[in-house]
């Protein structure tokens, strides 16, 4: 399933049907990785609105975003699988929303592409491995960068129809590897 926050509600989308997750999150702990990013902040805020849900925002950012003032924040390098294991063991989350990813502009992506690939694949491997048999649901988010560069309209069915766009080539491959893992 996927978390859809585009319409202002938290929903689990499964082939043609939308199911509200609020009742599943009441009294439960969930972790959001990449919590300081654009999507992470929005998801954390919506999860925090679910009565009884305990949200842990995890990110590499040194400073906690102001928008997450009322949410527990853990500065965490997801490339350290031991730290990921400790976070999961100590908080026992039911859901883990994996939004994290190393990224930069097109120029940085070309210069540091292999670094982005390694960082993103390594952190996703650790998150997936540590989530197995410990978390009810793991949500992985991909990226428009995983789509072929020859598209102006993106359809999920086209994601593997060509190589990722050159501006986000390595990051796109990292997201594709994550899709395969999850």
N, C-alpha and C. Protein backbone atom coordinates (compact mmCIF):
# COMPACT_ATOMS: atom_id res chain seq x y z
N UNK A 1 0.80 -1.19 0.00
CA UNK A 1 0.00 0.00 0.00
C UNK A 1 0.84 1.25 0.00
N UNK A 2 0.20 2.37 -0.17
CA UNK A 2 0.88 3.65 -0.20
C UNK A 2 0.14 4.62 0.72
N UNK A 3 0.89 5.52 1.33
CA UNK A 3 0.24 6.58 2.09
C UNK A 3 -0.03 7.72 1.13
N UNK A 4 -1.25 8.16 1.06
CA UNK A 4 -1.65 9.24 0.18
C UNK A 4 -2.01 10.43 1.05
N UNK A 5 -1.18 11.46 1.00
CA UNK A 5 -1.47 12.65 1.80
C UNK A 5 -1.88 13.82 0.93
N UNK A 6 -2.12 13.57 -0.36
CA UNK A 6 -2.41 14.65 -1.29
C UNK A 6 -3.74 15.34 -1.03
N UNK A 7 -4.70 14.63 -0.47
CA UNK A 7 -6.02 15.24 -0.25
C UNK A 7 -6.23 15.69 1.20
N UNK A 8 -5.15 15.72 1.97
CA UNK A 8 -5.26 16.19 3.34
C UNK A 8 -5.64 15.13 4.34
N UNK A 9 -5.75 13.87 3.91
CA UNK A 9 -6.05 12.80 4.85
C UNK A 9 -5.04 11.68 4.68
N UNK A 10 -4.85 10.93 5.73
CA UNK A 10 -3.94 9.81 5.68
C UNK A 10 -4.73 8.59 5.24
N UNK A 11 -4.37 8.05 4.12
CA UNK A 11 -5.12 6.91 3.58
C UNK A 11 -4.17 5.87 3.03
N UNK A 12 -4.57 4.64 3.11
CA UNK A 12 -3.81 3.53 2.54
C UNK A 12 -4.48 3.19 1.22
N UNK A 13 -3.76 3.35 0.14
CA UNK A 13 -4.33 3.12 -1.18
C UNK A 13 -3.97 1.73 -1.65
N UNK A 14 -4.95 0.96 -1.96
CA UNK A 14 -4.75 -0.40 -2.48
C UNK A 14 -5.62 -0.55 -3.70
N UNK A 15 -5.02 -0.84 -4.80
CA UNK A 15 -5.68 -1.10 -6.07
C UNK A 15 -7.17 -0.76 -6.04
N UNK A 16 -7.46 0.49 -6.27
CA UNK A 16 -8.84 0.91 -6.45
C UNK A 16 -9.64 1.20 -5.20
N UNK A 17 -9.08 1.05 -4.01
CA UNK A 17 -9.87 1.37 -2.82
C UNK A 17 -9.02 2.16 -1.84
N UNK A 18 -9.66 3.03 -1.11
CA UNK A 18 -8.97 3.85 -0.12
C UNK A 18 -9.50 3.46 1.25
N UNK A 19 -8.57 3.26 2.15
CA UNK A 19 -8.93 2.78 3.49
C UNK A 19 -8.26 3.70 4.51
N UNK A 20 -9.02 4.29 5.39
CA UNK A 20 -8.49 5.20 6.40
C UNK A 20 -7.67 4.42 7.43
N UNK A 21 -6.47 4.89 7.70
CA UNK A 21 -5.56 4.23 8.64
C UNK A 21 -5.68 4.73 10.07
N UNK A 22 -6.45 5.76 10.31
CA UNK A 22 -6.49 6.37 11.63
C UNK A 22 -6.75 5.35 12.74
N UNK A 23 -7.71 4.46 12.52
CA UNK A 23 -8.04 3.48 13.57
C UNK A 23 -6.88 2.53 13.84
N UNK A 24 -6.04 2.28 12.85
CA UNK A 24 -4.90 1.38 13.05
C UNK A 24 -3.75 2.07 13.79
N UNK A 25 -3.72 3.39 13.76
CA UNK A 25 -2.63 4.14 14.38
C UNK A 25 -2.94 4.58 15.80
N UNK A 26 -4.19 4.52 16.21
CA UNK A 26 -4.56 4.94 17.57
C UNK A 26 -3.80 4.12 18.60
N UNK A 27 -3.06 4.80 19.46
CA UNK A 27 -2.30 4.13 20.51
C UNK A 27 -1.04 3.45 20.02
N UNK A 28 -0.67 3.67 18.78
CA UNK A 28 0.50 3.01 18.20
C UNK A 28 1.63 4.00 17.92
N UNK A 29 2.82 3.45 17.79
CA UNK A 29 4.00 4.24 17.45
C UNK A 29 4.32 4.06 15.98
N UNK A 30 4.68 5.15 15.33
CA UNK A 30 5.15 5.07 13.95
C UNK A 30 6.38 5.97 13.80
N UNK A 31 7.25 5.56 12.91
CA UNK A 31 8.47 6.30 12.61
C UNK A 31 8.38 6.83 11.19
N UNK A 32 8.83 8.07 11.00
CA UNK A 32 8.93 8.65 9.67
C UNK A 32 10.39 9.00 9.45
N UNK A 33 11.04 8.34 8.48
CA UNK A 33 12.41 8.70 8.13
C UNK A 33 12.35 9.80 7.07
N UNK A 34 13.37 10.61 7.02
CA UNK A 34 13.34 11.74 6.10
C UNK A 34 12.34 12.78 6.56
N UNK A 35 12.14 12.84 7.87
CA UNK A 35 11.08 13.67 8.46
C UNK A 35 11.29 15.17 8.27
N UNK A 36 12.51 15.61 8.02
CA UNK A 36 12.77 17.03 7.85
C UNK A 36 12.57 17.47 6.40
N UNK A 37 12.31 16.53 5.50
CA UNK A 37 12.09 16.86 4.10
C UNK A 37 10.67 17.35 3.84
N UNK A 38 10.44 17.79 2.62
CA UNK A 38 9.14 18.36 2.24
C UNK A 38 7.99 17.38 2.53
N UNK A 39 8.10 16.14 2.07
CA UNK A 39 7.05 15.16 2.31
C UNK A 39 7.03 14.71 3.76
N UNK A 40 8.21 14.56 4.35
CA UNK A 40 8.31 14.08 5.73
C UNK A 40 7.61 14.99 6.72
N UNK A 41 7.82 16.28 6.60
CA UNK A 41 7.18 17.24 7.50
C UNK A 41 5.67 17.13 7.39
N UNK A 42 5.16 17.09 6.16
CA UNK A 42 3.71 17.01 5.96
C UNK A 42 3.13 15.71 6.52
N UNK A 43 3.81 14.59 6.26
CA UNK A 43 3.32 13.32 6.77
C UNK A 43 3.34 13.30 8.30
N UNK A 44 4.42 13.78 8.91
CA UNK A 44 4.49 13.83 10.37
C UNK A 44 3.36 14.66 10.96
N UNK A 45 3.07 15.79 10.36
CA UNK A 45 1.99 16.64 10.86
C UNK A 45 0.65 15.93 10.77
N UNK A 46 0.41 15.22 9.68
CA UNK A 46 -0.87 14.51 9.54
C UNK A 46 -0.95 13.32 10.49
N UNK A 47 0.15 12.61 10.65
CA UNK A 47 0.15 11.48 11.59
C UNK A 47 -0.07 11.97 13.02
N UNK A 48 0.51 13.12 13.35
CA UNK A 48 0.36 13.68 14.70
C UNK A 48 -1.08 14.07 15.00
N UNK A 49 -1.87 14.31 13.95
CA UNK A 49 -3.28 14.65 14.14
C UNK A 49 -4.15 13.44 14.46
N UNK A 50 -3.60 12.24 14.29
CA UNK A 50 -4.35 11.02 14.61
C UNK A 50 -4.33 10.86 16.13
N UNK A 51 -5.50 10.85 16.73
CA UNK A 51 -5.59 10.77 18.19
C UNK A 51 -4.94 9.49 18.71
N UNK A 52 -4.03 9.67 19.66
CA UNK A 52 -3.37 8.54 20.29
C UNK A 52 -2.15 8.00 19.57
N UNK A 53 -1.88 8.49 18.37
CA UNK A 53 -0.69 8.02 17.64
C UNK A 53 0.55 8.71 18.19
N UNK A 54 1.61 7.96 18.33
CA UNK A 54 2.89 8.51 18.77
C UNK A 54 3.82 8.50 17.58
N UNK A 55 4.23 9.68 17.14
CA UNK A 55 5.03 9.83 15.93
C UNK A 55 6.47 10.16 16.31
N UNK A 56 7.39 9.42 15.72
CA UNK A 56 8.82 9.70 15.89
C UNK A 56 9.36 10.14 14.54
N UNK A 57 9.83 11.37 14.48
CA UNK A 57 10.42 11.91 13.27
C UNK A 57 11.92 11.63 13.32
N UNK A 58 12.42 10.92 12.32
CA UNK A 58 13.84 10.57 12.27
C UNK A 58 14.46 11.19 11.02
N UNK A 59 15.57 11.89 11.22
CA UNK A 59 16.22 12.55 10.09
C UNK A 59 17.67 12.84 10.45
N UNK A 60 18.47 13.05 9.43
CA UNK A 60 19.87 13.38 9.61
C UNK A 60 20.06 14.87 9.93
N UNK A 61 19.03 15.66 9.67
CA UNK A 61 19.13 17.09 9.91
C UNK A 61 19.49 17.38 11.37
N UNK A 62 20.44 18.27 11.54
CA UNK A 62 20.91 18.61 12.89
C UNK A 62 19.81 19.26 13.72
N UNK A 63 19.08 20.16 13.10
CA UNK A 63 18.04 20.89 13.82
C UNK A 63 16.66 20.36 13.47
N UNK A 64 15.85 20.21 14.48
CA UNK A 64 14.47 19.77 14.30
C UNK A 64 13.69 20.87 13.58
N UNK A 65 12.97 20.53 12.51
CA UNK A 65 12.16 21.54 11.82
C UNK A 65 11.12 22.15 12.75
N UNK A 66 10.91 23.45 12.62
CA UNK A 66 9.93 24.15 13.48
C UNK A 66 8.54 23.57 13.34
N UNK A 67 8.21 23.08 12.15
CA UNK A 67 6.88 22.49 11.92
C UNK A 67 6.66 21.21 12.72
N UNK A 68 7.73 20.64 13.26
CA UNK A 68 7.62 19.39 14.00
C UNK A 68 7.82 19.59 15.50
N UNK A 69 7.55 20.80 15.98
CA UNK A 69 7.82 21.14 17.37
C UNK A 69 7.16 20.19 18.37
N UNK A 70 5.95 19.73 18.07
CA UNK A 70 5.21 18.88 19.02
C UNK A 70 5.46 17.39 18.80
N UNK A 71 6.41 17.04 17.95
CA UNK A 71 6.65 15.64 17.58
C UNK A 71 8.03 15.21 18.07
N UNK A 72 8.13 13.99 18.58
CA UNK A 72 9.43 13.46 19.02
C UNK A 72 10.38 13.43 17.83
N UNK A 73 11.61 13.86 18.05
CA UNK A 73 12.59 13.95 16.95
C UNK A 73 13.86 13.20 17.33
N UNK A 74 14.33 12.37 16.42
CA UNK A 74 15.60 11.65 16.61
C UNK A 74 16.51 11.98 15.44
N UNK A 75 17.64 12.59 15.75
CA UNK A 75 18.65 12.78 14.71
C UNK A 75 19.30 11.43 14.50
N UNK A 76 19.29 10.95 13.26
CA UNK A 76 19.71 9.59 13.02
C UNK A 76 20.33 9.44 11.64
N UNK A 77 21.51 8.82 11.59
CA UNK A 77 22.13 8.48 10.32
C UNK A 77 21.64 7.09 9.94
N UNK A 78 20.76 7.02 8.97
CA UNK A 78 20.16 5.75 8.57
C UNK A 78 21.15 4.81 7.90
N UNK A 79 22.33 5.31 7.56
CA UNK A 79 23.35 4.42 7.00
C UNK A 79 24.03 3.60 8.08
N UNK A 80 23.74 3.90 9.34
CA UNK A 80 24.26 3.11 10.45
C UNK A 80 23.16 2.14 10.88
N UNK A 81 23.24 0.93 10.39
CA UNK A 81 22.18 -0.05 10.63
C UNK A 81 22.02 -0.38 12.11
N UNK A 82 23.08 -0.27 12.87
CA UNK A 82 22.99 -0.52 14.32
C UNK A 82 22.07 0.53 14.97
N UNK A 83 22.21 1.78 14.56
CA UNK A 83 21.34 2.82 15.10
C UNK A 83 19.89 2.62 14.68
N UNK A 84 19.68 2.17 13.46
CA UNK A 84 18.33 1.88 12.98
C UNK A 84 17.73 0.76 13.83
N UNK A 85 18.51 -0.30 14.06
CA UNK A 85 18.05 -1.43 14.87
C UNK A 85 17.70 -0.98 16.28
N UNK A 86 18.54 -0.12 16.86
CA UNK A 86 18.28 0.38 18.22
C UNK A 86 17.00 1.21 18.28
N UNK A 87 16.78 2.05 17.27
CA UNK A 87 15.57 2.87 17.24
C UNK A 87 14.32 1.98 17.16
N UNK A 88 14.35 1.01 16.29
CA UNK A 88 13.20 0.12 16.14
C UNK A 88 12.99 -0.71 17.41
N UNK A 89 14.06 -1.23 17.97
CA UNK A 89 13.93 -2.06 19.18
C UNK A 89 13.42 -1.24 20.37
N UNK A 90 13.87 0.00 20.48
CA UNK A 90 13.49 0.80 21.64
C UNK A 90 12.09 1.42 21.53
N UNK A 91 11.59 1.59 20.32
CA UNK A 91 10.29 2.25 20.15
C UNK A 91 9.17 1.31 19.71
N UNK A 92 9.53 0.16 19.18
CA UNK A 92 8.56 -0.85 18.72
C UNK A 92 7.43 -0.26 17.87
N UNK A 93 7.79 0.37 16.77
CA UNK A 93 6.75 0.97 15.92
C UNK A 93 5.92 -0.08 15.20
N UNK A 94 4.70 0.28 14.88
CA UNK A 94 3.83 -0.57 14.08
C UNK A 94 4.01 -0.23 12.60
N UNK A 95 4.22 1.05 12.32
CA UNK A 95 4.44 1.53 10.96
C UNK A 95 5.78 2.23 10.87
N UNK A 96 6.44 2.06 9.74
CA UNK A 96 7.63 2.83 9.44
C UNK A 96 7.45 3.37 8.03
N UNK A 97 7.44 4.69 7.92
CA UNK A 97 7.31 5.37 6.64
C UNK A 97 8.71 5.81 6.22
N UNK A 98 9.28 5.15 5.23
CA UNK A 98 10.67 5.41 4.81
C UNK A 98 10.68 6.40 3.65
N UNK A 99 10.85 7.68 3.99
CA UNK A 99 10.87 8.75 3.01
C UNK A 99 12.28 9.28 2.77
N UNK A 100 13.24 8.86 3.57
CA UNK A 100 14.59 9.44 3.54
C UNK A 100 15.31 9.14 2.24
N UNK A 101 16.18 10.06 1.88
CA UNK A 101 17.03 9.85 0.71
C UNK A 101 18.01 11.00 0.55
N UNK A 102 19.25 10.66 0.20
CA UNK A 102 20.26 11.67 -0.10
C UNK A 102 19.97 12.21 -1.50
N UNK A 103 19.98 13.52 -1.65
CA UNK A 103 19.60 14.13 -2.92
C UNK A 103 20.26 15.49 -3.05
N UNK A 104 20.38 15.92 -4.27
CA UNK A 104 20.91 17.25 -4.55
C UNK A 104 20.42 17.69 -5.91
N UNK A 105 20.79 18.88 -6.31
CA UNK A 105 20.42 19.37 -7.64
C UNK A 105 21.10 18.56 -8.73
N UNK A 106 20.76 18.87 -9.98
CA UNK A 106 21.27 18.11 -11.12
C UNK A 106 22.80 18.10 -11.16
N UNK A 107 23.43 19.24 -10.94
CA UNK A 107 24.90 19.30 -10.98
C UNK A 107 25.53 18.47 -9.88
N UNK A 108 24.99 18.57 -8.67
CA UNK A 108 25.50 17.78 -7.55
C UNK A 108 25.25 16.30 -7.81
N UNK A 109 24.09 15.99 -8.37
CA UNK A 109 23.76 14.60 -8.68
C UNK A 109 24.74 13.98 -9.66
N UNK A 110 25.19 14.76 -10.63
CA UNK A 110 26.17 14.23 -11.59
C UNK A 110 27.54 14.08 -10.96
N UNK A 111 27.94 15.05 -10.15
CA UNK A 111 29.27 15.00 -9.52
C UNK A 111 29.35 13.95 -8.41
N UNK A 112 28.27 13.82 -7.64
CA UNK A 112 28.28 12.93 -6.47
C UNK A 112 27.32 11.76 -6.63
N UNK A 113 27.02 11.39 -7.85
CA UNK A 113 26.01 10.36 -8.12
C UNK A 113 26.26 9.05 -7.41
N UNK A 114 27.50 8.57 -7.46
CA UNK A 114 27.78 7.28 -6.81
C UNK A 114 27.63 7.38 -5.30
N UNK A 115 27.95 8.54 -4.73
CA UNK A 115 27.75 8.74 -3.29
C UNK A 115 26.26 8.66 -2.94
N UNK A 116 25.42 9.29 -3.77
CA UNK A 116 23.97 9.24 -3.55
C UNK A 116 23.46 7.81 -3.67
N UNK A 117 23.93 7.11 -4.70
CA UNK A 117 23.50 5.72 -4.89
C UNK A 117 23.85 4.87 -3.68
N UNK A 118 25.10 4.97 -3.24
CA UNK A 118 25.55 4.16 -2.10
C UNK A 118 24.77 4.52 -0.83
N UNK A 119 24.64 5.81 -0.54
CA UNK A 119 23.94 6.23 0.68
C UNK A 119 22.48 5.78 0.68
N UNK A 120 21.80 5.97 -0.44
CA UNK A 120 20.38 5.62 -0.50
C UNK A 120 20.14 4.12 -0.45
N UNK A 121 20.95 3.36 -1.17
CA UNK A 121 20.77 1.91 -1.16
C UNK A 121 21.14 1.35 0.21
N UNK A 122 22.23 1.84 0.79
CA UNK A 122 22.67 1.35 2.10
C UNK A 122 21.61 1.62 3.17
N UNK A 123 21.07 2.83 3.20
CA UNK A 123 20.08 3.13 4.25
C UNK A 123 18.81 2.33 4.03
N UNK A 124 18.40 2.14 2.79
CA UNK A 124 17.18 1.37 2.54
C UNK A 124 17.38 -0.10 2.89
N UNK A 125 18.55 -0.66 2.58
CA UNK A 125 18.83 -2.04 2.97
C UNK A 125 18.72 -2.18 4.49
N UNK A 126 19.33 -1.26 5.23
CA UNK A 126 19.29 -1.32 6.69
C UNK A 126 17.89 -1.19 7.24
N UNK A 127 17.11 -0.25 6.71
CA UNK A 127 15.74 -0.04 7.18
C UNK A 127 14.89 -1.28 6.88
N UNK A 128 15.01 -1.82 5.67
CA UNK A 128 14.23 -3.00 5.31
C UNK A 128 14.65 -4.19 6.17
N UNK A 129 15.93 -4.41 6.29
CA UNK A 129 16.40 -5.57 7.06
C UNK A 129 15.96 -5.48 8.52
N UNK A 130 16.05 -4.29 9.11
CA UNK A 130 15.67 -4.13 10.52
C UNK A 130 14.16 -4.12 10.73
N UNK A 131 13.41 -3.90 9.67
CA UNK A 131 11.95 -3.88 9.77
C UNK A 131 11.34 -5.28 9.66
N UNK A 132 12.04 -6.18 9.03
CA UNK A 132 11.51 -7.53 8.83
C UNK A 132 11.09 -8.15 10.15
N UNK A 133 9.90 -8.67 10.19
CA UNK A 133 9.35 -9.36 11.37
C UNK A 133 9.25 -8.48 12.61
N UNK A 134 9.45 -7.17 12.48
CA UNK A 134 9.38 -6.28 13.65
C UNK A 134 8.32 -5.20 13.48
N UNK A 135 7.93 -4.94 12.25
CA UNK A 135 7.02 -3.84 11.95
C UNK A 135 5.86 -4.38 11.13
N UNK A 136 4.65 -3.94 11.48
CA UNK A 136 3.47 -4.40 10.75
C UNK A 136 3.52 -3.97 9.29
N UNK A 137 3.85 -2.69 9.04
CA UNK A 137 3.90 -2.18 7.68
C UNK A 137 5.07 -1.24 7.50
N UNK A 138 5.76 -1.45 6.40
CA UNK A 138 6.84 -0.56 5.97
C UNK A 138 6.40 0.08 4.67
N UNK A 139 6.38 1.40 4.64
CA UNK A 139 6.06 2.12 3.42
C UNK A 139 7.35 2.72 2.89
N UNK A 140 7.64 2.47 1.65
CA UNK A 140 8.82 3.03 0.98
C UNK A 140 8.33 4.02 -0.06
N UNK A 141 8.92 5.20 -0.09
CA UNK A 141 8.56 6.16 -1.13
C UNK A 141 9.63 6.18 -2.20
N UNK A 142 9.18 6.19 -3.41
CA UNK A 142 10.11 6.28 -4.54
C UNK A 142 10.26 7.75 -4.92
N UNK A 143 10.57 8.01 -6.17
CA UNK A 143 10.82 9.38 -6.61
C UNK A 143 10.50 9.50 -8.08
N UNK A 144 10.12 10.69 -8.49
CA UNK A 144 9.94 10.95 -9.91
C UNK A 144 11.26 10.74 -10.64
N UNK A 145 12.38 10.85 -9.92
CA UNK A 145 13.70 10.63 -10.52
C UNK A 145 13.91 9.20 -10.98
N UNK A 146 13.09 8.28 -10.54
CA UNK A 146 13.20 6.88 -10.96
C UNK A 146 12.61 6.66 -12.35
N UNK A 147 11.83 7.61 -12.83
CA UNK A 147 11.18 7.48 -14.12
C UNK A 147 12.14 7.83 -15.25
N UNK A 148 11.88 7.28 -16.43
CA UNK A 148 12.72 7.59 -17.59
C UNK A 148 12.68 9.08 -17.92
N UNK A 149 13.78 9.57 -18.45
CA UNK A 149 13.90 10.99 -18.76
C UNK A 149 13.13 11.44 -19.98
N UNK A 150 12.56 10.51 -20.74
CA UNK A 150 11.87 10.89 -21.97
C UNK A 150 10.37 11.08 -21.76
N UNK A 151 9.93 11.27 -20.54
CA UNK A 151 8.50 11.39 -20.24
C UNK A 151 8.15 12.79 -19.79
N UNK A 152 6.98 13.26 -20.17
CA UNK A 152 6.48 14.53 -19.64
C UNK A 152 5.29 14.27 -18.72
N UNK A 153 4.64 13.11 -18.91
CA UNK A 153 3.56 12.67 -18.04
C UNK A 153 4.00 11.34 -17.45
N UNK A 154 4.01 11.25 -16.13
CA UNK A 154 4.52 10.06 -15.47
C UNK A 154 3.39 9.11 -15.09
N UNK A 155 3.50 7.88 -15.57
CA UNK A 155 2.57 6.82 -15.21
C UNK A 155 3.37 5.73 -14.53
N UNK A 156 2.79 5.17 -13.47
CA UNK A 156 3.49 4.14 -12.72
C UNK A 156 3.92 2.98 -13.62
N UNK A 157 3.12 2.68 -14.61
CA UNK A 157 3.44 1.56 -15.52
C UNK A 157 4.65 1.85 -16.40
N UNK A 158 5.04 3.13 -16.51
CA UNK A 158 6.19 3.50 -17.34
C UNK A 158 7.50 3.57 -16.57
N UNK A 159 7.45 3.36 -15.27
CA UNK A 159 8.64 3.58 -14.44
C UNK A 159 9.86 2.79 -14.90
N UNK A 160 9.67 1.60 -15.42
CA UNK A 160 10.80 0.76 -15.81
C UNK A 160 10.98 0.69 -17.33
N UNK A 161 10.38 1.61 -18.05
CA UNK A 161 10.43 1.56 -19.52
C UNK A 161 11.68 2.18 -20.11
N UNK A 162 12.57 2.66 -19.28
CA UNK A 162 13.83 3.26 -19.73
C UNK A 162 14.68 3.62 -18.53
N UNK A 163 15.86 4.13 -18.77
CA UNK A 163 16.75 4.52 -17.67
C UNK A 163 16.28 5.82 -17.04
N UNK A 164 16.62 6.01 -15.75
CA UNK A 164 16.24 7.27 -15.09
C UNK A 164 16.82 8.48 -15.82
N UNK A 165 16.18 9.60 -15.65
CA UNK A 165 16.63 10.84 -16.25
C UNK A 165 18.06 11.15 -15.81
N UNK A 166 18.85 11.70 -16.70
CA UNK A 166 20.26 11.98 -16.41
C UNK A 166 20.46 12.94 -15.25
N UNK A 167 19.52 13.85 -15.02
CA UNK A 167 19.69 14.82 -13.93
C UNK A 167 19.61 14.16 -12.55
N UNK A 168 18.98 12.99 -12.47
CA UNK A 168 18.87 12.28 -11.20
C UNK A 168 19.13 10.79 -11.43
N UNK A 169 20.09 10.50 -12.29
CA UNK A 169 20.35 9.14 -12.74
C UNK A 169 20.64 8.19 -11.58
N UNK A 170 21.61 8.53 -10.75
CA UNK A 170 22.01 7.63 -9.66
C UNK A 170 20.96 7.56 -8.56
N UNK A 171 20.37 8.69 -8.24
CA UNK A 171 19.29 8.70 -7.26
C UNK A 171 18.09 7.91 -7.76
N UNK A 172 17.82 8.00 -9.06
CA UNK A 172 16.73 7.24 -9.66
C UNK A 172 16.96 5.75 -9.57
N UNK A 173 18.20 5.33 -9.83
CA UNK A 173 18.51 3.90 -9.69
C UNK A 173 18.40 3.44 -8.24
N UNK A 174 18.82 4.29 -7.32
CA UNK A 174 18.73 3.93 -5.90
C UNK A 174 17.27 3.71 -5.51
N UNK A 175 16.37 4.58 -5.98
CA UNK A 175 14.95 4.43 -5.67
C UNK A 175 14.40 3.15 -6.31
N UNK A 176 14.86 2.85 -7.52
CA UNK A 176 14.40 1.61 -8.16
C UNK A 176 14.85 0.39 -7.35
N UNK A 177 16.08 0.41 -6.86
CA UNK A 177 16.54 -0.70 -6.03
C UNK A 177 15.68 -0.81 -4.77
N UNK A 178 15.33 0.34 -4.19
CA UNK A 178 14.44 0.34 -3.03
C UNK A 178 13.09 -0.26 -3.34
N UNK A 179 12.54 0.07 -4.52
CA UNK A 179 11.25 -0.51 -4.92
C UNK A 179 11.36 -2.04 -4.98
N UNK A 180 12.46 -2.54 -5.51
CA UNK A 180 12.65 -3.98 -5.60
C UNK A 180 12.75 -4.62 -4.21
N UNK A 181 13.41 -3.94 -3.28
CA UNK A 181 13.57 -4.47 -1.93
C UNK A 181 12.24 -4.52 -1.17
N UNK A 182 11.42 -3.52 -1.41
CA UNK A 182 10.18 -3.41 -0.64
C UNK A 182 9.04 -4.10 -1.34
